[in-house]
Structures are given as structure tokens and as C-alpha cells.
Amino acid sequence: MSILSSIGRIATQYAAARARYRSERILLSLPAELRKDIGFPEILDTPNSRRTAIFSSKII
């Protein structure tokens, strides 16, 4: 594996993660009723969500 292919793989993973987090932020900015209507799953219950600690105080 060359250095350029490693850099390309890392860049691809980084771009995918940024897109995922951007989508997550956009969906979290919607009102809860609208998220429920469109069927957005509750991401705060997933163990690998980095937002769990940030939003856990707002669940109540």
C-alpha cells in the first residue's frame, strides 16, 4: 500500500464522517414532531453516537 493510497483512504473516511455528522446536525435541528413524522430514528440511544453526552441532559 502506497502512501498516496493511504492518504486517499483517510481522506475518503474523513469526508464520509463529516457528511454523516452534518446530516445528523441538520436532522437534530428539526423539531421533534417533524423528526418523528419523517421517521428519523432516535440517534441519542445509539451507543456510538458522539452526541449522546452533549444532548443527554435535554432528553428529559
C-alpha atoms as a PDB file:
ATOM      1  CA  MET A   1       0.000   0.000   0.000  1.00  0.00           C
ATOM      2  CA  SER A   2       1.492   3.281  -1.033  1.00  0.00           C
ATOM      3  CA  ILE A   3       1.407   6.487   0.934  1.00  0.00           C
ATOM      4  CA  LEU A   4      -0.904   8.140  -1.595  1.00  0.00           C
ATOM      5  CA  SER A   5      -3.480   5.345  -1.366  1.00  0.00           C
ATOM      6  CA  SER A   6      -3.363   5.577   2.440  1.00  0.00           C
ATOM      7  CA  ILE A   7      -3.912   9.319   2.306  1.00  0.00           C
ATOM      8  CA  GLY A   8      -6.762   8.828  -0.164  1.00  0.00           C
ATOM      9  CA  ARG A   9      -8.417   6.239   2.079  1.00  0.00           C
ATOM     10  CA  ILE A  10      -8.118   8.513   5.119  1.00  0.00           C
ATOM     11  CA  ALA A  11      -9.492  11.474   3.160  1.00  0.00           C
ATOM     12  CA  THR A  12     -12.464   9.386   1.989  1.00  0.00           C
ATOM     13  CA  GLN A  13     -13.237   8.248   5.538  1.00  0.00           C
ATOM     14  CA  TYR A  14     -12.938  11.825   6.801  1.00  0.00           C
ATOM     15  CA  ALA A  15     -15.299  13.132   4.115  1.00  0.00           C
ATOM     16  CA  ALA A  16     -17.846  10.414   4.910  1.00  0.00           C
ATOM     17  CA  ALA A  17     -17.685  11.167   8.643  1.00  0.00           C
ATOM     18  CA  ARG A  18     -18.138  14.910   8.029  1.00  0.00           C
ATOM     19  CA  ALA A  19     -21.145  14.260   5.800  1.00  0.00           C
ATOM     20  CA  ARG A  20     -22.667  11.931   8.415  1.00  0.00           C
ATOM     21  CA  TYR A  21     -22.198  14.438  11.247  1.00  0.00           C
ATOM     22  CA  ARG A  22     -23.516  17.279   9.084  1.00  0.00           C
ATOM     23  CA  SER A  23     -26.654  15.282   8.308  1.00  0.00           C
ATOM     24  CA  GLU A  24     -27.017  14.416  11.983  1.00  0.00           C
ATOM     25  CA  ARG A  25     -26.761  18.101  12.970  1.00  0.00           C
ATOM     26  CA  ILE A  26     -29.339  19.111  10.371  1.00  0.00           C
ATOM     27  CA  LEU A  27     -31.795  16.431  11.491  1.00  0.00           C
ATOM     28  CA  LEU A  28     -31.275  17.271  15.151  1.00  0.00           C
ATOM     29  CA  SER A  29     -32.065  20.912  14.419  1.00  0.00           C
ATOM     30  CA  LEU A  30     -35.556  19.941  13.232  1.00  0.00           C
ATOM     31  CA  PRO A  31     -38.424  19.969  15.754  1.00  0.00           C
ATOM     32  CA  ALA A  32     -39.043  16.617  17.475  1.00  0.00           C
ATOM     33  CA  GLU A  33     -42.508  16.312  15.942  1.00  0.00           C
ATOM     34  CA  LEU A  34     -41.120  16.668  12.427  1.00  0.00           C
ATOM     35  CA  ARG A  35     -38.327  14.169  13.103  1.00  0.00           C
ATOM     36  CA  LYS A  36     -40.956  11.703  14.303  1.00  0.00           C
ATOM     37  CA  ASP A  37     -43.091  12.307  11.198  1.00  0.00           C
ATOM     38  CA  ILE A  38     -40.234  11.603   8.797  1.00  0.00           C
ATOM     39  CA  GLY A  39     -39.214   8.509  10.738  1.00  0.00           C
ATOM     40  CA  PHE A  40     -35.818   9.709  11.882  1.00  0.00           C
ATOM     41  CA  PRO A  41     -34.576   7.200  14.470  1.00  0.00           C
ATOM     42  CA  GLU A  42     -33.617   8.388  17.897  1.00  0.00           C
ATOM     43  CA  ILE A  43     -29.851   8.624  17.480  1.00  0.00           C
ATOM     44  CA  LEU A  44     -29.351   9.536  21.104  1.00  0.00           C
ATOM     45  CA  ASP A  45     -29.976   5.918  22.113  1.00  0.00           C
ATOM     46  CA  THR A  46     -27.179   4.529  19.968  1.00  0.00           C
ATOM     47  CA  PRO A  47     -24.006   3.721  21.884  1.00  0.00           C
ATOM     48  CA  ASN A  48     -21.613   5.033  19.216  1.00  0.00           C
ATOM     49  CA  SER A  49     -23.191   8.460  18.794  1.00  0.00           C
ATOM     50  CA  ARG A  50     -20.770  11.164  19.816  1.00  0.00           C
ATOM     51  CA  ARG A  51     -23.739  13.428  20.541  1.00  0.00           C
ATOM     52  CA  THR A  52     -25.088  11.244  23.365  1.00  0.00           C
ATOM     53  CA  ALA A  53     -23.195  13.079  26.090  1.00  0.00           C
ATOM     54  CA  ILE A  54     -23.963  16.505  24.637  1.00  0.00           C
ATOM     55  CA  PHE A  55     -27.722  16.077  24.342  1.00  0.00           C
ATOM     56  CA  SER A  56     -28.378  13.657  27.222  1.00  0.00           C
ATOM     57  CA  SER A  57     -29.408  16.455  29.594  1.00  0.00           C
ATOM     58  CA  LYS A  58     -32.044  17.680  27.121  1.00  0.00           C
ATOM     59  CA  ILE A  59     -33.893  14.351  26.836  1.00  0.00           C
ATOM     60  CA  ILE A  60     -35.981  14.862  29.955  1.00  0.00           C
END
